[in-house]
Amino acid sequence: MQSPESVVPLGGWSIKGVFTEAALIAFCQENISRFKAPKKVIFGPLPTTSTGKIQKFLLRQQLEAPLTA
């Protein structure tokens, strides 16, 4: 069974100090269906290509790595 996770990029407009994991999850649970709300929020950089597109396959590998290690 899959559980939704959210990856929040930290860029020049860093929101880490403004939002916490609990605050983002609570906001999502209030505004979208509870089963769609993330169970976990990860703050960090997103792997991108040279044109700025998110490399989803690398992101999936990074998220799956702690489970297999």
C-alpha atoms as a PDB file:
ATOM      1  CA  MET A   1       0.000   0.000   0.000  1.00  0.00           C
ATOM      2  CA  GLN A   2       1.293   3.438  -0.885  1.00  0.00           C
ATOM      3  CA  SER A   3       1.062   6.422   1.393  1.00  0.00           C
ATOM      4  CA  PRO A   4       1.271   9.944   0.015  1.00  0.00           C
ATOM      5  CA  GLU A   5       4.403  11.946   0.764  1.00  0.00           C
ATOM      6  CA  SER A   6       5.206  15.529  -0.086  1.00  0.00           C
ATOM      7  CA  VAL A   7       8.606  16.940  -1.000  1.00  0.00           C
ATOM      8  CA  VAL A   8       8.904  20.693  -0.439  1.00  0.00           C
ATOM      9  CA  PRO A   9      11.851  22.338  -2.196  1.00  0.00           C
ATOM     10  CA  LEU A  10      14.014  24.763  -0.273  1.00  0.00           C
ATOM     11  CA  GLY A  11      15.013  27.555  -2.594  1.00  0.00           C
ATOM     12  CA  GLY A  12      15.640  31.259  -2.390  1.00  0.00           C
ATOM     13  CA  TRP A  13      12.183  31.610  -0.850  1.00  0.00           C
ATOM     14  CA  SER A  14      12.825  29.075   1.921  1.00  0.00           C
ATOM     15  CA  ILE A  15       9.633  28.269   3.802  1.00  0.00           C
ATOM     16  CA  LYS A  16      11.173  25.904   6.339  1.00  0.00           C
ATOM     17  CA  GLY A  17      11.018  28.590   9.031  1.00  0.00           C
ATOM     18  CA  VAL A  18       7.430  29.527   8.159  1.00  0.00           C
ATOM     19  CA  PHE A  19       5.774  26.132   7.760  1.00  0.00           C
ATOM     20  CA  THR A  20       6.345  22.975   9.748  1.00  0.00           C
ATOM     21  CA  GLU A  21       5.577  19.436   8.671  1.00  0.00           C
ATOM     22  CA  ALA A  22       2.572  19.319  11.013  1.00  0.00           C
ATOM     23  CA  ALA A  23       1.216  22.653   9.724  1.00  0.00           C
ATOM     24  CA  LEU A  24       1.417  21.564   6.065  1.00  0.00           C
ATOM     25  CA  ILE A  25      -0.259  18.212   6.790  1.00  0.00           C
ATOM     26  CA  ALA A  26      -3.033  19.927   8.771  1.00  0.00           C
ATOM     27  CA  PHE A  27      -3.586  22.445   5.943  1.00  0.00           C
ATOM     28  CA  CYS A  28      -3.857  19.640   3.385  1.00  0.00           C
ATOM     29  CA  GLN A  29      -6.259  17.635   5.550  1.00  0.00           C
ATOM     30  CA  GLU A  30      -8.537  20.683   5.865  1.00  0.00           C
ATOM     31  CA  ASN A  31      -8.501  21.572   2.164  1.00  0.00           C
ATOM     32  CA  ILE A  32      -8.336  18.266   0.263  1.00  0.00           C
ATOM     33  CA  SER A  33      -9.623  14.762   0.874  1.00  0.00           C
ATOM     34  CA  ARG A  34      -7.960  13.171   3.889  1.00  0.00           C
ATOM     35  CA  PHE A  35      -6.759  10.159   1.893  1.00  0.00           C
ATOM     36  CA  LYS A  36      -4.951  12.527  -0.505  1.00  0.00           C
ATOM     37  CA  ALA A  37      -3.221  14.495   2.269  1.00  0.00           C
ATOM     38  CA  PRO A  38       0.458  13.616   2.734  1.00  0.00           C
ATOM     39  CA  LYS A  39       1.434  11.466   5.704  1.00  0.00           C
ATOM     40  CA  LYS A  40       4.983  12.788   5.605  1.00  0.00           C
ATOM     41  CA  VAL A  41       6.599  16.031   4.419  1.00  0.00           C
ATOM     42  CA  ILE A  42      10.250  16.154   3.390  1.00  0.00           C
ATOM     43  CA  PHE A  43      12.059  19.494   3.089  1.00  0.00           C
ATOM     44  CA  GLY A  44      14.959  19.438   0.668  1.00  0.00           C
ATOM     45  CA  PRO A  45      16.224  19.992  -2.845  1.00  0.00           C
ATOM     46  CA  LEU A  46      14.557  18.393  -5.851  1.00  0.00           C
ATOM     47  CA  PRO A  47      16.697  16.645  -8.483  1.00  0.00           C
ATOM     48  CA  THR A  48      16.351  18.577 -11.731  1.00  0.00           C
ATOM     49  CA  THR A  49      17.630  18.433 -15.277  1.00  0.00           C
ATOM     50  CA  SER A  50      19.661  21.197 -16.865  1.00  0.00           C
ATOM     51  CA  THR A  51      16.410  22.715 -18.166  1.00  0.00           C
ATOM     52  CA  GLY A  52      14.852  22.774 -14.699  1.00  0.00           C
ATOM     53  CA  LYS A  53      12.450  19.837 -15.023  1.00  0.00           C
ATOM     54  CA  ILE A  54      12.087  17.585 -11.974  1.00  0.00           C
ATOM     55  CA  GLN A  55      13.679  14.165 -12.446  1.00  0.00           C
ATOM     56  CA  LYS A  56      10.854  12.065 -11.028  1.00  0.00           C
ATOM     57  CA  PHE A  57      12.691   8.756 -11.331  1.00  0.00           C
ATOM     58  CA  LEU A  58      15.567  10.079  -9.174  1.00  0.00           C
ATOM     59  CA  LEU A  59      13.094  11.488  -6.669  1.00  0.00           C
ATOM     60  CA  ARG A  60      11.376   8.094  -6.400  1.00  0.00           C
ATOM     61  CA  GLN A  61      14.755   6.394  -5.892  1.00  0.00           C
ATOM     62  CA  GLN A  62      15.638   8.844  -3.099  1.00  0.00           C
ATOM     63  CA  LEU A  63      12.311   8.255  -1.358  1.00  0.00           C
ATOM     64  CA  GLU A  64      12.527   4.465  -1.683  1.00  0.00           C
ATOM     65  CA  ALA A  65      16.173   4.251  -0.518  1.00  0.00           C
ATOM     66  CA  PRO A  66      15.442   4.428   3.251  1.00  0.00           C
ATOM     67  CA  LEU A  67      12.922   1.597   2.876  1.00  0.00           C
ATOM     68  CA  THR A  68      15.357  -0.798   1.216  1.00  0.00           C
ATOM     69  CA  ALA A  69      18.470   0.151   3.223  1.00  0.00           C
END
